[in-house]
Amino acid sequence: IVARTLLSAGIKPTVIDHDADTVDSARRFGFKVHFGDATQPDLLHAAGVGQARAFVIAIDDAAQATRLAHELHESHPSLPIIARAFDAVHEMDLVDAHVHHAQREVLESSLRSARATLELLGFDRFHARQLADDFRRHTEGAVRQARLARQQDNRDDLIKRMREAREEFERQMQEDLERQRQHRPARGWDQPG
C-alpha cells in the first residue's frame, strides 16, 4: 500500500521482498523490485540504499525489523526510516533504533472501527471522531511515557504510571461526554440543514 501510494504520487519506489509472488505482483505494478532478504547489506547496496531519500520497513518479523532499523541507522545515519510496528512495545523498540516514524499496524484501523461503532451506537460523527482522536493522543503519550520509564529500567513504576494514565484518560473522557450531553447543539456537522 505504501509503495502503491508513492507510485500514484509520481515517486518510483524500489521494493525488496523475499516472497516470489509478491515480487511478481510488484513488477506487474511497475515497481523496481529486488528479490531477497532486506536485512542483507549486499542486497541493500544493490537496491540503491545509498541513494535512497527514505526507507520504509514493513517486515513481518518484529525482531528482524528492529535489527534492520539499527543497521540502517548505523550505516546511513541521515536516512529517514519509517517502520511498521506490531504493537506498542515494538514501537518503542523502533524509536530506540532511531526510526523517524513508527506506526502500529492496527492502531488507525482500530480507531476507525471504534468511530464506526460509536456512530452506530448513536454518537454523531464529530464526537465519535473527537473521541478517537483523543484516544490516539492518549495512547501516543502513554507510549512516550512508557519508553522513558523503560529507559530508566523501572518496571513497577512503568506499570503504575500506565495504569494511572489510563484511569485519568477514562475520567477525562467521561467528563467530556457528560459536558457534551448537557450542551448538545441543535445542529451538528453531520445533521441535515
C-alpha atoms as a PDB file:
ATOM      1  CA  ILE A   1       0.000   0.000   0.000  1.00  0.00           C
ATOM      2  CA  VAL A   2       2.853   2.374   0.826  1.00  0.00           C
ATOM      3  CA  ALA A   3       4.618   1.630  -2.446  1.00  0.00           C
ATOM      4  CA  ARG A   4       1.422   1.950  -4.486  1.00  0.00           C
ATOM      5  CA  THR A   5       0.590   5.276  -2.838  1.00  0.00           C
ATOM      6  CA  LEU A   6       4.084   6.574  -3.576  1.00  0.00           C
ATOM      7  CA  LEU A   7       3.805   5.423  -7.186  1.00  0.00           C
ATOM      8  CA  SER A   8       0.475   7.242  -7.545  1.00  0.00           C
ATOM      9  CA  ALA A   9       2.266  10.408  -6.358  1.00  0.00           C
ATOM     10  CA  GLY A  10       4.881  10.034  -9.096  1.00  0.00           C
ATOM     11  CA  ILE A  11       7.559   8.557  -6.807  1.00  0.00           C
ATOM     12  CA  LYS A  12       9.077   5.317  -8.087  1.00  0.00           C
ATOM     13  CA  PRO A  13       9.938   3.201  -5.048  1.00  0.00           C
ATOM     14  CA  THR A  14      12.299   0.261  -5.017  1.00  0.00           C
ATOM     15  CA  VAL A  15      10.831  -2.813  -3.340  1.00  0.00           C
ATOM     16  CA  ILE A  16      12.779  -5.602  -1.661  1.00  0.00           C
ATOM     17  CA  ASP A  17      10.869  -8.761  -0.794  1.00  0.00           C
ATOM     18  CA  HIS A  18      11.643 -12.398  -0.139  1.00  0.00           C
ATOM     19  CA  ASP A  19       8.303 -13.727  -1.432  1.00  0.00           C
ATOM     20  CA  ALA A  20       8.332 -14.646  -5.125  1.00  0.00           C
ATOM     21  CA  ASP A  21       4.588 -13.981  -5.590  1.00  0.00           C
ATOM     22  CA  THR A  22       4.908 -10.522  -4.056  1.00  0.00           C
ATOM     23  CA  VAL A  23       7.888  -9.773  -6.291  1.00  0.00           C
ATOM     24  CA  ASP A  24       5.951 -10.837  -9.407  1.00  0.00           C
ATOM     25  CA  SER A  25       2.950  -8.761  -8.371  1.00  0.00           C
ATOM     26  CA  ALA A  26       5.095  -5.704  -7.613  1.00  0.00           C
ATOM     27  CA  ARG A  27       6.759  -5.952 -11.014  1.00  0.00           C
ATOM     28  CA  ARG A  28       3.337  -6.007 -12.686  1.00  0.00           C
ATOM     29  CA  PHE A  29       2.507  -2.755 -10.865  1.00  0.00           C
ATOM     30  CA  GLY A  30       5.658  -1.238 -12.343  1.00  0.00           C
ATOM     31  CA  PHE A  31       7.956  -1.262  -9.316  1.00  0.00           C
ATOM     32  CA  LYS A  32      11.678  -1.775  -9.400  1.00  0.00           C
ATOM     33  CA  VAL A  33      11.930  -4.978  -7.354  1.00  0.00           C
ATOM     34  CA  HIS A  34      14.771  -6.914  -5.759  1.00  0.00           C
ATOM     35  CA  PHE A  35      14.230 -10.462  -4.563  1.00  0.00           C
ATOM     36  CA  GLY A  36      15.812 -11.453  -1.268  1.00  0.00           C
ATOM     37  CA  ASP A  37      16.308 -10.626   2.396  1.00  0.00           C
ATOM     38  CA  ALA A  38      16.235  -6.873   3.039  1.00  0.00           C
ATOM     39  CA  THR A  39      18.496  -7.299   6.061  1.00  0.00           C
ATOM     40  CA  GLN A  40      21.422  -8.332   3.844  1.00  0.00           C
ATOM     41  CA  PRO A  41      23.827  -5.405   3.294  1.00  0.00           C
ATOM     42  CA  ASP A  42      24.826  -6.555  -0.216  1.00  0.00           C
ATOM     43  CA  LEU A  43      21.202  -6.607  -1.352  1.00  0.00           C
ATOM     44  CA  LEU A  44      20.547  -3.195   0.209  1.00  0.00           C
ATOM     45  CA  HIS A  45      23.570  -1.816  -1.625  1.00  0.00           C
ATOM     46  CA  ALA A  46      22.450  -3.377  -4.946  1.00  0.00           C
ATOM     47  CA  ALA A  47      18.965  -1.902  -4.436  1.00  0.00           C
ATOM     48  CA  GLY A  48      20.463   1.572  -4.051  1.00  0.00           C
ATOM     49  CA  VAL A  49      20.106   2.286  -0.329  1.00  0.00           C
ATOM     50  CA  GLY A  50      22.972   4.791  -0.634  1.00  0.00           C
ATOM     51  CA  GLN A  51      20.833   6.984  -2.908  1.00  0.00           C
ATOM     52  CA  ALA A  52      17.542   6.464  -1.066  1.00  0.00           C
ATOM     53  CA  ARG A  53      15.689   9.534   0.213  1.00  0.00           C
ATOM     54  CA  ALA A  54      13.693   7.419   2.711  1.00  0.00           C
ATOM     55  CA  PHE A  55      13.423   3.789   3.740  1.00  0.00           C
ATOM     56  CA  VAL A  56      10.200   2.015   4.740  1.00  0.00           C
ATOM     57  CA  ILE A  57      10.430  -1.140   6.850  1.00  0.00           C
ATOM     58  CA  ALA A  58       7.362  -3.381   6.582  1.00  0.00           C
ATOM     59  CA  ILE A  59       8.842  -6.730   7.589  1.00  0.00           C
ATOM     60  CA  ASP A  60       6.584  -9.375   9.163  1.00  0.00           C
ATOM     61  CA  ASP A  61       9.127 -10.207  11.874  1.00  0.00           C
ATOM     62  CA  ALA A  62       9.421  -7.649  14.700  1.00  0.00           C
ATOM     63  CA  ALA A  63      12.944  -8.632  15.755  1.00  0.00           C
ATOM     64  CA  GLN A  64      14.176  -8.593  12.169  1.00  0.00           C
ATOM     65  CA  ALA A  65      12.548  -5.192  11.531  1.00  0.00           C
ATOM     66  CA  THR A  66      14.167  -3.721  14.633  1.00  0.00           C
ATOM     67  CA  ARG A  67      17.559  -5.182  13.749  1.00  0.00           C
ATOM     68  CA  LEU A  68      17.293  -3.702  10.223  1.00  0.00           C
ATOM     69  CA  ALA A  69      16.410  -0.292  11.677  1.00  0.00           C
ATOM     70  CA  HIS A  70      19.518  -0.392  13.902  1.00  0.00           C
ATOM     71  CA  GLU A  71      21.729  -1.475  10.989  1.00  0.00           C
ATOM     72  CA  LEU A  72      20.349   1.218   8.664  1.00  0.00           C
ATOM     73  CA  HIS A  73      20.849   3.903  11.294  1.00  0.00           C
ATOM     74  CA  GLU A  74      24.457   2.803  11.811  1.00  0.00           C
ATOM     75  CA  SER A  75      25.295   2.595   8.105  1.00  0.00           C
ATOM     76  CA  HIS A  76      23.179   5.550   6.895  1.00  0.00           C
ATOM     77  CA  PRO A  77      22.509   7.823   9.906  1.00  0.00           C
ATOM     78  CA  SER A  78      20.866  10.600   7.872  1.00  0.00           C
ATOM     79  CA  LEU A  79      18.451   8.268   6.050  1.00  0.00           C
ATOM     80  CA  PRO A  80      14.865   8.806   7.275  1.00  0.00           C
ATOM     81  CA  ILE A  81      13.322   5.491   8.310  1.00  0.00           C
ATOM     82  CA  ILE A  82       9.601   4.776   8.516  1.00  0.00           C
ATOM     83  CA  ALA A  83       8.600   1.461  10.056  1.00  0.00           C
ATOM     84  CA  ARG A  84       5.517  -0.600  10.756  1.00  0.00           C
ATOM     85  CA  ALA A  85       5.277  -1.650  14.393  1.00  0.00           C
ATOM     86  CA  PHE A  86       3.296  -4.638  15.603  1.00  0.00           C
ATOM     87  CA  ASP A  87       2.383  -3.201  18.996  1.00  0.00           C
ATOM     88  CA  ALA A  88       3.356  -0.504  21.500  1.00  0.00           C
ATOM     89  CA  VAL A  89       6.425  -2.396  22.745  1.00  0.00           C
ATOM     90  CA  HIS A  90       7.680  -2.876  19.189  1.00  0.00           C
ATOM     91  CA  GLU A  91       7.014   0.816  18.506  1.00  0.00           C
ATOM     92  CA  MET A  92       9.255   1.693  21.468  1.00  0.00           C
ATOM     93  CA  ASP A  93      11.949  -0.673  20.158  1.00  0.00           C
ATOM     94  CA  LEU A  94      11.830   1.020  16.753  1.00  0.00           C
ATOM     95  CA  VAL A  95      12.024   4.509  18.242  1.00  0.00           C
ATOM     96  CA  ASP A  96      15.034   3.342  20.272  1.00  0.00           C
ATOM     97  CA  ALA A  97      16.517   2.199  16.931  1.00  0.00           C
ATOM     98  CA  HIS A  98      16.241   5.822  15.650  1.00  0.00           C
ATOM     99  CA  VAL A  99      13.272   5.267  13.339  1.00  0.00           C
ATOM    100  CA  HIS A 100      11.824   8.632  12.339  1.00  0.00           C
ATOM    101  CA  HIS A 101       8.235   7.385  12.284  1.00  0.00           C
ATOM    102  CA  ALA A 102       6.902   4.130  13.719  1.00  0.00           C
ATOM    103  CA  GLN A 103       3.250   3.306  13.162  1.00  0.00           C
ATOM    104  CA  ARG A 104       1.449   0.479  14.928  1.00  0.00           C
ATOM    105  CA  GLU A 105      -0.114  -1.547  12.163  1.00  0.00           C
ATOM    106  CA  VAL A 106      -3.625  -1.859  13.588  1.00  0.00           C
ATOM    107  CA  LEU A 107      -3.937   1.420  15.516  1.00  0.00           C
ATOM    108  CA  GLU A 108      -5.543   3.536  12.781  1.00  0.00           C
ATOM    109  CA  SER A 109      -7.845   0.788  11.503  1.00  0.00           C
ATOM    110  CA  SER A 110      -8.925   0.061  15.096  1.00  0.00           C
ATOM    111  CA  LEU A 111      -9.662   3.747  15.699  1.00  0.00           C
ATOM    112  CA  ARG A 112     -11.738   3.877  12.510  1.00  0.00           C
ATOM    113  CA  SER A 113     -13.645   0.793  13.684  1.00  0.00           C
ATOM    114  CA  ALA A 114     -14.197   2.415  17.092  1.00  0.00           C
ATOM    115  CA  ARG A 115     -15.556   5.546  15.371  1.00  0.00           C
ATOM    116  CA  ALA A 116     -17.920   3.476  13.231  1.00  0.00           C
ATOM    117  CA  THR A 117     -19.108   1.598  16.319  1.00  0.00           C
ATOM    118  CA  LEU A 118     -19.722   4.824  18.244  1.00  0.00           C
ATOM    119  CA  GLU A 119     -21.712   6.213  15.307  1.00  0.00           C
ATOM    120  CA  LEU A 120     -23.819   3.041  15.137  1.00  0.00           C
ATOM    121  CA  LEU A 121     -24.479   3.426  18.855  1.00  0.00           C
ATOM    122  CA  GLY A 122     -25.863   6.929  18.349  1.00  0.00           C
ATOM    123  CA  PHE A 123     -22.854   9.268  18.621  1.00  0.00           C
ATOM    124  CA  ASP A 124     -22.678  11.942  15.939  1.00  0.00           C
ATOM    125  CA  ARG A 125     -19.690  11.837  13.591  1.00  0.00           C
ATOM    126  CA  PHE A 126     -17.984  14.827  15.170  1.00  0.00           C
ATOM    127  CA  HIS A 127     -17.978  13.393  18.686  1.00  0.00           C
ATOM    128  CA  ALA A 128     -17.040   9.907  17.515  1.00  0.00           C
ATOM    129  CA  ARG A 129     -14.051  11.372  15.672  1.00  0.00           C
ATOM    130  CA  GLN A 130     -13.162  13.544  18.659  1.00  0.00           C
ATOM    131  CA  LEU A 131     -13.122  10.514  20.976  1.00  0.00           C
ATOM    132  CA  ALA A 132     -10.941   8.549  18.553  1.00  0.00           C
ATOM    133  CA  ASP A 133      -8.549  11.496  18.173  1.00  0.00           C
ATOM    134  CA  ASP A 134      -8.385  11.884  21.947  1.00  0.00           C
ATOM    135  CA  PHE A 135      -7.615   8.194  22.318  1.00  0.00           C
ATOM    136  CA  ARG A 136      -4.859   8.455  19.670  1.00  0.00           C
ATOM    137  CA  ARG A 137      -3.241  11.351  21.550  1.00  0.00           C
ATOM    138  CA  HIS A 138      -3.564   9.464  24.829  1.00  0.00           C
ATOM    139  CA  THR A 139      -2.020   6.252  23.531  1.00  0.00           C
ATOM    140  CA  GLU A 140       0.830   8.109  21.827  1.00  0.00           C
ATOM    141  CA  GLY A 141       1.570   9.969  25.077  1.00  0.00           C
ATOM    142  CA  ALA A 142       1.367   6.740  27.062  1.00  0.00           C
ATOM    143  CA  VAL A 143       3.904   5.099  24.735  1.00  0.00           C
ATOM    144  CA  ARG A 144       6.271   8.072  25.180  1.00  0.00           C
ATOM    145  CA  GLN A 145       5.920   7.804  28.974  1.00  0.00           C
ATOM    146  CA  ALA A 146       6.382   4.043  28.887  1.00  0.00           C
ATOM    147  CA  ARG A 147       9.510   4.410  26.782  1.00  0.00           C
ATOM    148  CA  LEU A 148      11.001   6.857  29.288  1.00  0.00           C
ATOM    149  CA  ALA A 149      10.154   4.581  32.206  1.00  0.00           C
ATOM    150  CA  ARG A 150      11.580   1.612  30.306  1.00  0.00           C
ATOM    151  CA  GLN A 151      14.816   3.507  29.737  1.00  0.00           C
ATOM    152  CA  GLN A 152      15.009   4.045  33.480  1.00  0.00           C
ATOM    153  CA  ASP A 153      14.520   0.272  33.865  1.00  0.00           C
ATOM    154  CA  ASN A 154      11.782   0.558  36.481  1.00  0.00           C
ATOM    155  CA  ARG A 155       9.049  -1.920  35.527  1.00  0.00           C
ATOM    156  CA  ASP A 156       6.922  -1.347  38.658  1.00  0.00           C
ATOM    157  CA  ASP A 157       6.926   2.411  38.063  1.00  0.00           C
ATOM    158  CA  LEU A 158       6.068   1.844  34.401  1.00  0.00           C
ATOM    159  CA  ILE A 159       3.035  -0.306  35.252  1.00  0.00           C
ATOM    160  CA  LYS A 160       1.859   2.176  37.893  1.00  0.00           C
ATOM    161  CA  ARG A 161       2.232   5.160  35.532  1.00  0.00           C
ATOM    162  CA  MET A 162       0.465   3.358  32.673  1.00  0.00           C
ATOM    163  CA  ARG A 163      -2.460   2.407  34.942  1.00  0.00           C
ATOM    164  CA  GLU A 164      -2.727   5.966  36.305  1.00  0.00           C
ATOM    165  CA  ALA A 165      -2.599   7.411  32.781  1.00  0.00           C
ATOM    166  CA  ARG A 166      -5.357   5.039  31.610  1.00  0.00           C
ATOM    167  CA  GLU A 167      -7.551   5.894  34.607  1.00  0.00           C
ATOM    168  CA  GLU A 168      -7.006   9.643  34.101  1.00  0.00           C
ATOM    169  CA  PHE A 169      -7.833   9.337  30.401  1.00  0.00           C
ATOM    170  CA  GLU A 170     -11.043   7.419  31.153  1.00  0.00           C
ATOM    171  CA  ARG A 171     -12.047  10.044  33.771  1.00  0.00           C
ATOM    172  CA  GLN A 172     -11.417  12.883  31.298  1.00  0.00           C
ATOM    173  CA  MET A 173     -13.427  11.137  28.579  1.00  0.00           C
ATOM    174  CA  GLN A 174     -16.381  10.571  30.925  1.00  0.00           C
ATOM    175  CA  GLU A 175     -16.324  14.243  31.988  1.00  0.00           C
ATOM    176  CA  ASP A 176     -16.158  15.332  28.353  1.00  0.00           C
ATOM    177  CA  LEU A 177     -19.066  13.052  27.400  1.00  0.00           C
ATOM    178  CA  GLU A 178     -21.156  14.459  30.259  1.00  0.00           C
ATOM    179  CA  ARG A 179     -20.404  18.051  29.121  1.00  0.00           C
ATOM    180  CA  GLN A 180     -21.386  17.100  25.568  1.00  0.00           C
ATOM    181  CA  ARG A 181     -24.684  15.569  26.736  1.00  0.00           C
ATOM    182  CA  GLN A 182     -25.561  18.707  28.680  1.00  0.00           C
ATOM    183  CA  HIS A 183     -24.593  21.054  25.896  1.00  0.00           C
ATOM    184  CA  ARG A 184     -25.744  19.362  22.685  1.00  0.00           C
ATOM    185  CA  PRO A 185     -26.172  21.828  19.816  1.00  0.00           C
ATOM    186  CA  ALA A 186     -29.413  21.837  17.870  1.00  0.00           C
ATOM    187  CA  ARG A 187     -27.469  21.109  14.681  1.00  0.00           C
ATOM    188  CA  GLY A 188     -24.221  19.322  14.043  1.00  0.00           C
ATOM    189  CA  TRP A 189     -21.980  18.991  11.052  1.00  0.00           C
ATOM    190  CA  ASP A 190     -23.492  15.642  10.120  1.00  0.00           C
ATOM    191  CA  GLN A 191     -27.139  16.635  10.513  1.00  0.00           C
ATOM    192  CA  PRO A 192     -29.132  17.888   7.512  1.00  0.00           C
ATOM    193  CA  GLY A 193     -29.575  21.668   7.365  1.00  0.00           C
END
